[in-house]
Amino acid sequence: MNADDVVQVRYAPGVVGETRRVVHVAIRRPDGACAALCELVIEAAEAELLDGPAGMPCLVCVRALALGSGGAPVELDAEASR
């Protein structure tokens, strides 16, 4: 995993309602899906990758970043150790 694998992502327009389109901090998996710090997985076809801060952030992702207790979900840790 490198710095390019860490992305800001939200659901693409039309996939979910506007209130669910919050911005997550995520790690891009080899299959293109994004696994967020809050453990949400957004499939590649449903994702909108962002270049910078935009929109309402996911409060669970923000909390994980602030406390340093989040980290990647377990399946990502296993992939990183390969």
N, C-alpha and C. Protein backbone atom coordinates (compact mmCIF):
# COMPACT_ATOMS: atom_id res chain seq x y z
N MET A 1 0.85 -1.18 0.00
CA MET A 1 0.00 0.00 0.00
C MET A 1 0.88 1.23 0.00
N ASN A 2 0.51 2.23 -0.80
CA ASN A 2 1.25 3.49 -0.82
C ASN A 2 0.26 4.65 -0.65
N ALA A 3 0.80 5.84 -0.63
CA ALA A 3 -0.04 7.03 -0.38
C ALA A 3 -1.13 7.20 -1.43
N ASP A 4 -0.91 6.74 -2.66
CA ASP A 4 -1.92 6.86 -3.71
C ASP A 4 -3.13 5.97 -3.45
N ASP A 5 -2.99 4.98 -2.57
CA ASP A 5 -4.09 4.09 -2.25
C ASP A 5 -5.08 4.72 -1.27
N VAL A 6 -4.68 5.78 -0.57
CA VAL A 6 -5.57 6.47 0.37
C VAL A 6 -6.31 7.56 -0.40
N VAL A 7 -7.64 7.47 -0.39
CA VAL A 7 -8.45 8.37 -1.21
C VAL A 7 -9.60 8.96 -0.39
N GLN A 8 -10.15 10.03 -0.91
CA GLN A 8 -11.41 10.58 -0.40
C GLN A 8 -12.47 10.17 -1.41
N VAL A 9 -13.51 9.55 -0.93
CA VAL A 9 -14.50 8.96 -1.83
C VAL A 9 -15.90 9.13 -1.25
N ARG A 10 -16.87 9.18 -2.14
CA ARG A 10 -18.28 9.16 -1.75
C ARG A 10 -19.03 8.44 -2.85
N TYR A 11 -20.27 8.10 -2.56
CA TYR A 11 -21.10 7.48 -3.59
C TYR A 11 -21.29 8.46 -4.74
N ALA A 12 -21.32 7.96 -5.96
CA ALA A 12 -21.55 8.78 -7.14
C ALA A 12 -22.99 9.30 -7.13
N PRO A 13 -23.23 10.43 -7.81
CA PRO A 13 -24.59 10.97 -7.88
C PRO A 13 -25.56 9.93 -8.46
N GLY A 14 -26.73 9.82 -7.83
CA GLY A 14 -27.76 8.91 -8.33
C GLY A 14 -27.70 7.51 -7.75
N VAL A 15 -26.62 7.15 -7.09
CA VAL A 15 -26.50 5.81 -6.51
C VAL A 15 -27.29 5.71 -5.21
N VAL A 16 -27.16 6.72 -4.39
CA VAL A 16 -27.89 6.80 -3.12
C VAL A 16 -28.46 8.21 -3.00
N GLY A 17 -29.28 8.43 -2.00
CA GLY A 17 -29.82 9.77 -1.75
C GLY A 17 -28.71 10.73 -1.34
N GLU A 18 -28.94 12.02 -1.52
CA GLU A 18 -27.92 13.03 -1.23
C GLU A 18 -27.44 13.00 0.21
N THR A 19 -28.30 12.65 1.15
CA THR A 19 -27.88 12.63 2.56
C THR A 19 -26.88 11.52 2.86
N ARG A 20 -26.79 10.52 2.00
CA ARG A 20 -25.82 9.43 2.19
C ARG A 20 -24.53 9.64 1.42
N ARG A 21 -24.41 10.74 0.71
CA ARG A 21 -23.22 11.00 -0.10
C ARG A 21 -22.15 11.75 0.69
N VAL A 22 -21.85 11.28 1.88
CA VAL A 22 -20.81 11.91 2.69
C VAL A 22 -19.44 11.44 2.21
N VAL A 23 -18.42 12.21 2.52
CA VAL A 23 -17.07 11.92 2.05
C VAL A 23 -16.34 11.05 3.07
N HIS A 24 -15.82 9.94 2.60
CA HIS A 24 -15.12 8.98 3.44
C HIS A 24 -13.62 9.01 3.14
N VAL A 25 -12.83 8.69 4.14
CA VAL A 25 -11.40 8.45 3.95
C VAL A 25 -11.28 6.95 3.77
N ALA A 26 -10.70 6.54 2.65
CA ALA A 26 -10.70 5.11 2.33
C ALA A 26 -9.38 4.67 1.71
N ILE A 27 -9.24 3.37 1.65
CA ILE A 27 -8.10 2.75 0.99
C ILE A 27 -8.63 2.03 -0.23
N ARG A 28 -8.02 2.31 -1.37
CA ARG A 28 -8.45 1.67 -2.61
C ARG A 28 -7.88 0.26 -2.66
N ARG A 29 -8.76 -0.71 -2.80
CA ARG A 29 -8.34 -2.11 -2.87
C ARG A 29 -7.92 -2.46 -4.29
N PRO A 30 -7.21 -3.58 -4.46
CA PRO A 30 -6.78 -3.98 -5.80
C PRO A 30 -7.93 -4.16 -6.80
N ASP A 31 -9.13 -4.51 -6.32
CA ASP A 31 -10.27 -4.69 -7.22
C ASP A 31 -10.96 -3.36 -7.58
N GLY A 32 -10.43 -2.24 -7.06
CA GLY A 32 -10.99 -0.92 -7.38
C GLY A 32 -11.99 -0.41 -6.37
N ALA A 33 -12.50 -1.29 -5.52
CA ALA A 33 -13.43 -0.85 -4.47
C ALA A 33 -12.67 -0.04 -3.43
N CYS A 34 -13.39 0.76 -2.68
CA CYS A 34 -12.78 1.59 -1.64
C CYS A 34 -13.33 1.17 -0.28
N ALA A 35 -12.44 0.84 0.64
CA ALA A 35 -12.83 0.46 2.00
C ALA A 35 -12.52 1.62 2.94
N ALA A 36 -13.57 2.20 3.50
CA ALA A 36 -13.44 3.39 4.34
C ALA A 36 -13.05 3.02 5.77
N LEU A 37 -12.54 4.02 6.49
CA LEU A 37 -12.18 3.83 7.89
C LEU A 37 -13.39 3.44 8.74
N CYS A 38 -14.57 3.83 8.31
CA CYS A 38 -15.80 3.48 9.02
C CYS A 38 -16.30 2.09 8.65
N GLU A 39 -15.52 1.38 7.84
CA GLU A 39 -15.77 0.01 7.39
C GLU A 39 -16.79 -0.11 6.27
N LEU A 40 -17.24 1.02 5.69
CA LEU A 40 -18.09 0.98 4.52
C LEU A 40 -17.23 0.63 3.31
N VAL A 41 -17.74 -0.21 2.44
CA VAL A 41 -17.04 -0.53 1.20
C VAL A 41 -17.90 -0.01 0.05
N ILE A 42 -17.30 0.84 -0.77
CA ILE A 42 -17.97 1.39 -1.95
C ILE A 42 -17.33 0.74 -3.17
N GLU A 43 -18.13 0.04 -3.94
CA GLU A 43 -17.64 -0.63 -5.14
C GLU A 43 -17.19 0.41 -6.17
N ALA A 44 -16.25 0.04 -7.01
CA ALA A 44 -15.66 0.96 -7.98
C ALA A 44 -16.71 1.62 -8.88
N ALA A 45 -17.71 0.87 -9.31
CA ALA A 45 -18.72 1.40 -10.21
C ALA A 45 -19.64 2.42 -9.52
N GLU A 46 -19.66 2.42 -8.19
CA GLU A 46 -20.53 3.32 -7.43
C GLU A 46 -19.77 4.49 -6.82
N ALA A 47 -18.46 4.55 -7.01
CA ALA A 47 -17.61 5.51 -6.31
C ALA A 47 -17.37 6.78 -7.11
N GLU A 48 -17.28 7.88 -6.39
CA GLU A 48 -16.82 9.15 -6.94
C GLU A 48 -15.58 9.54 -6.13
N LEU A 49 -14.42 9.51 -6.77
CA LEU A 49 -13.17 9.89 -6.10
C LEU A 49 -13.03 11.39 -6.15
N LEU A 50 -12.58 11.97 -5.05
CA LEU A 50 -12.46 13.42 -4.95
C LEU A 50 -11.00 13.84 -4.92
N ASP A 51 -10.69 14.99 -5.51
CA ASP A 51 -9.32 15.51 -5.55
C ASP A 51 -8.93 16.20 -4.24
N GLY A 52 -9.90 16.67 -3.50
CA GLY A 52 -9.62 17.39 -2.27
C GLY A 52 -10.87 17.47 -1.43
N PRO A 53 -10.81 18.24 -0.35
CA PRO A 53 -11.97 18.35 0.53
C PRO A 53 -13.19 18.89 -0.22
N ALA A 54 -14.31 18.21 -0.06
CA ALA A 54 -15.55 18.63 -0.70
C ALA A 54 -16.70 17.93 0.00
N GLY A 55 -17.73 18.65 0.32
CA GLY A 55 -18.91 18.03 0.89
C GLY A 55 -18.79 17.70 2.37
N MET A 56 -19.83 17.11 2.89
CA MET A 56 -19.91 16.74 4.31
C MET A 56 -19.05 15.50 4.56
N PRO A 57 -18.16 15.54 5.55
CA PRO A 57 -17.35 14.35 5.84
C PRO A 57 -18.13 13.32 6.65
N CYS A 58 -17.73 12.07 6.53
CA CYS A 58 -18.26 11.00 7.36
C CYS A 58 -17.71 11.20 8.77
N LEU A 59 -18.58 11.37 9.74
CA LEU A 59 -18.13 11.65 11.10
C LEU A 59 -17.39 10.48 11.73
N VAL A 60 -17.72 9.26 11.34
CA VAL A 60 -17.00 8.10 11.87
C VAL A 60 -15.57 8.06 11.32
N CYS A 61 -15.40 8.36 10.04
CA CYS A 61 -14.05 8.42 9.46
C CYS A 61 -13.23 9.53 10.12
N VAL A 62 -13.85 10.71 10.33
CA VAL A 62 -13.16 11.83 10.97
C VAL A 62 -12.74 11.45 12.38
N ARG A 63 -13.62 10.80 13.10
CA ARG A 63 -13.31 10.38 14.48
C ARG A 63 -12.14 9.40 14.48
N ALA A 64 -12.16 8.45 13.56
CA ALA A 64 -11.07 7.47 13.48
C ALA A 64 -9.74 8.16 13.19
N LEU A 65 -9.75 9.15 12.31
CA LEU A 65 -8.53 9.90 12.01
C LEU A 65 -8.06 10.69 13.21
N ALA A 66 -9.00 11.35 13.89
CA ALA A 66 -8.65 12.20 15.02
C ALA A 66 -8.09 11.40 16.19
N LEU A 67 -8.68 10.25 16.44
CA LEU A 67 -8.24 9.45 17.58
C LEU A 67 -7.08 8.52 17.24
N GLY A 68 -6.86 8.33 15.95
CA GLY A 68 -5.79 7.42 15.55
C GLY A 68 -6.11 5.98 15.87
N SER A 69 -7.38 5.70 16.16
CA SER A 69 -7.76 4.35 16.54
C SER A 69 -8.50 3.62 15.42
N GLY A 70 -8.68 4.30 14.31
CA GLY A 70 -9.44 3.70 13.22
C GLY A 70 -8.64 2.63 12.51
N GLY A 71 -7.85 3.04 11.56
CA GLY A 71 -7.08 2.08 10.80
C GLY A 71 -7.95 1.38 9.77
N ALA A 72 -7.31 0.55 9.01
CA ALA A 72 -7.99 -0.16 7.95
C ALA A 72 -8.75 -1.34 8.53
N PRO A 73 -9.86 -1.70 7.91
CA PRO A 73 -10.55 -2.91 8.32
C PRO A 73 -9.63 -4.13 8.23
N VAL A 74 -9.96 -5.16 8.95
CA VAL A 74 -9.11 -6.34 9.07
C VAL A 74 -8.71 -6.92 7.73
N GLU A 75 -9.65 -7.00 6.77
CA GLU A 75 -9.31 -7.61 5.48
C GLU A 75 -8.24 -6.82 4.74
N LEU A 76 -8.18 -5.52 4.95
CA LEU A 76 -7.13 -4.72 4.30
C LEU A 76 -5.78 -4.97 4.95
N ASP A 77 -5.75 -5.15 6.28
CA ASP A 77 -4.50 -5.48 6.93
C ASP A 77 -3.92 -6.78 6.40
N ALA A 78 -4.78 -7.75 6.15
CA ALA A 78 -4.35 -9.04 5.62
C ALA A 78 -3.79 -8.89 4.21
N GLU A 79 -4.44 -8.05 3.38
CA GLU A 79 -3.97 -7.83 2.01
C GLU A 79 -2.62 -7.11 2.01
N ALA A 80 -2.45 -6.17 2.92
CA ALA A 80 -1.21 -5.39 2.97
C ALA A 80 -0.01 -6.24 3.37
N SER A 81 -0.26 -7.30 4.12
CA SER A 81 0.85 -8.14 4.58
C SER A 81 1.27 -9.16 3.54
N ARG A 82 0.58 -9.23 2.41
CA ARG A 82 0.95 -10.20 1.36
C ARG A 82 2.18 -9.78 0.63
